[in-house]
Amino acid sequence: MVKHAPARGYVPHMSNGITFTDTVAYDVDGAAYWWDPPEKDADSHTDGTLWDRALASDVRGSSFLLGDSLIPGSNRIVDSVATATVPDEFSTTTAGFQWGSKGDGVWATEGIVSHNNRRGIYRWNNHNLLELSDETTLYNNHASFIQGAYGANHLYDGLTLRSDSVIWKTGAGESEEGSYPTAGIIDFDIDVGGKAEECVHLSGAQVPGGEPTVFRDGSYAGYTGEHVITGDILHNKRVFDFVRVTNKQGAQLEPRDFDIAATKADKGLDLVIRVQHEDGSAYGMIWRGTDPDPRIRSIRAFDTHS
């Protein structure tokens, strides 16, 4: 246990193959679990690290600040909790779990819980490596989930959210053929409990290319506005898929559930949102040119995953 520390808690950067079990960081002035950011001509990579049943509480900074890796998926966090992260008045990124903007920071997580923090999860990196998060729980956070920055393959399988809405700023990165989906949220239960007008806000100027971002097999509830999904997006040839997803009435998503302000970037780079219902019927919405309203048409079922 590290407690009442005037500096960071655990700092295993530049070390490989370490397993930490049943650790506690309490009342720490700085990140509870911290890594040096990558620097020019310095090796700060960490591989083979396992945090198993780790707890961070009353932390002045991000509880888990996840470091850089050379081997995708070799670093893991399992059954760990971040709570009572105290906001840093000079930081806009403080969170229970933070993936920083420097380096790849590719970590696999399973069974992580983030609650009563300024932000539940803050991710802000770009890479084409597949990064998996299984069974994530977020609740009572001021801002629950911020996903960025431009193009990255972050896939959440099993998400329970009882907080503010999801802010999704990134698109999927490039990936090998046949690996769809590589980015998005599948098998989710998102209920914002009256704390937000929408459940998901799509935002940002996203880079061209990459695979579709997928929201599959889930339900949205607790939003106070008329629309489940809102957004302000620079087109840049992005595709978002919503498959077997329901609104707060328990109905499959229809065009009226979306309120997207799409801004034209370059000729031919359209924004596309595709929706597939439980019965296999599907439609697409395409924003083109300067027209603020999408063109809506029926399409074939595009997602064959049961």
Foldseek 3Di string as FASTA:
>chain_A
DAELAAAEAAEQWPEEQDEAEQEEYYQHEEANYDFDFDDPPDDRAYFQYEYYAYEYANYAFAPAEFYAHDDAARAEYEQYEYAHHDYDPVDPQHEPHEDDAGHDRAYEYENYEYAHEQEHYYYEYADQDFHEYEAYEYAHHVHYEEADDAEDQYEYEHYEYAAAAYEHEYFHHADDPPPPPRAEYEQYEFAPQQPAQERYEYEYEHAADHDAHEYYNYEYYHHNHQAHYEYEYEQRQYEYEYEAYYYHVRDFDDPSNYHYAYDYDDAPRKYKYKYAHPVQWIKMWIDHDPDRGTDIDTDGRDDPDD
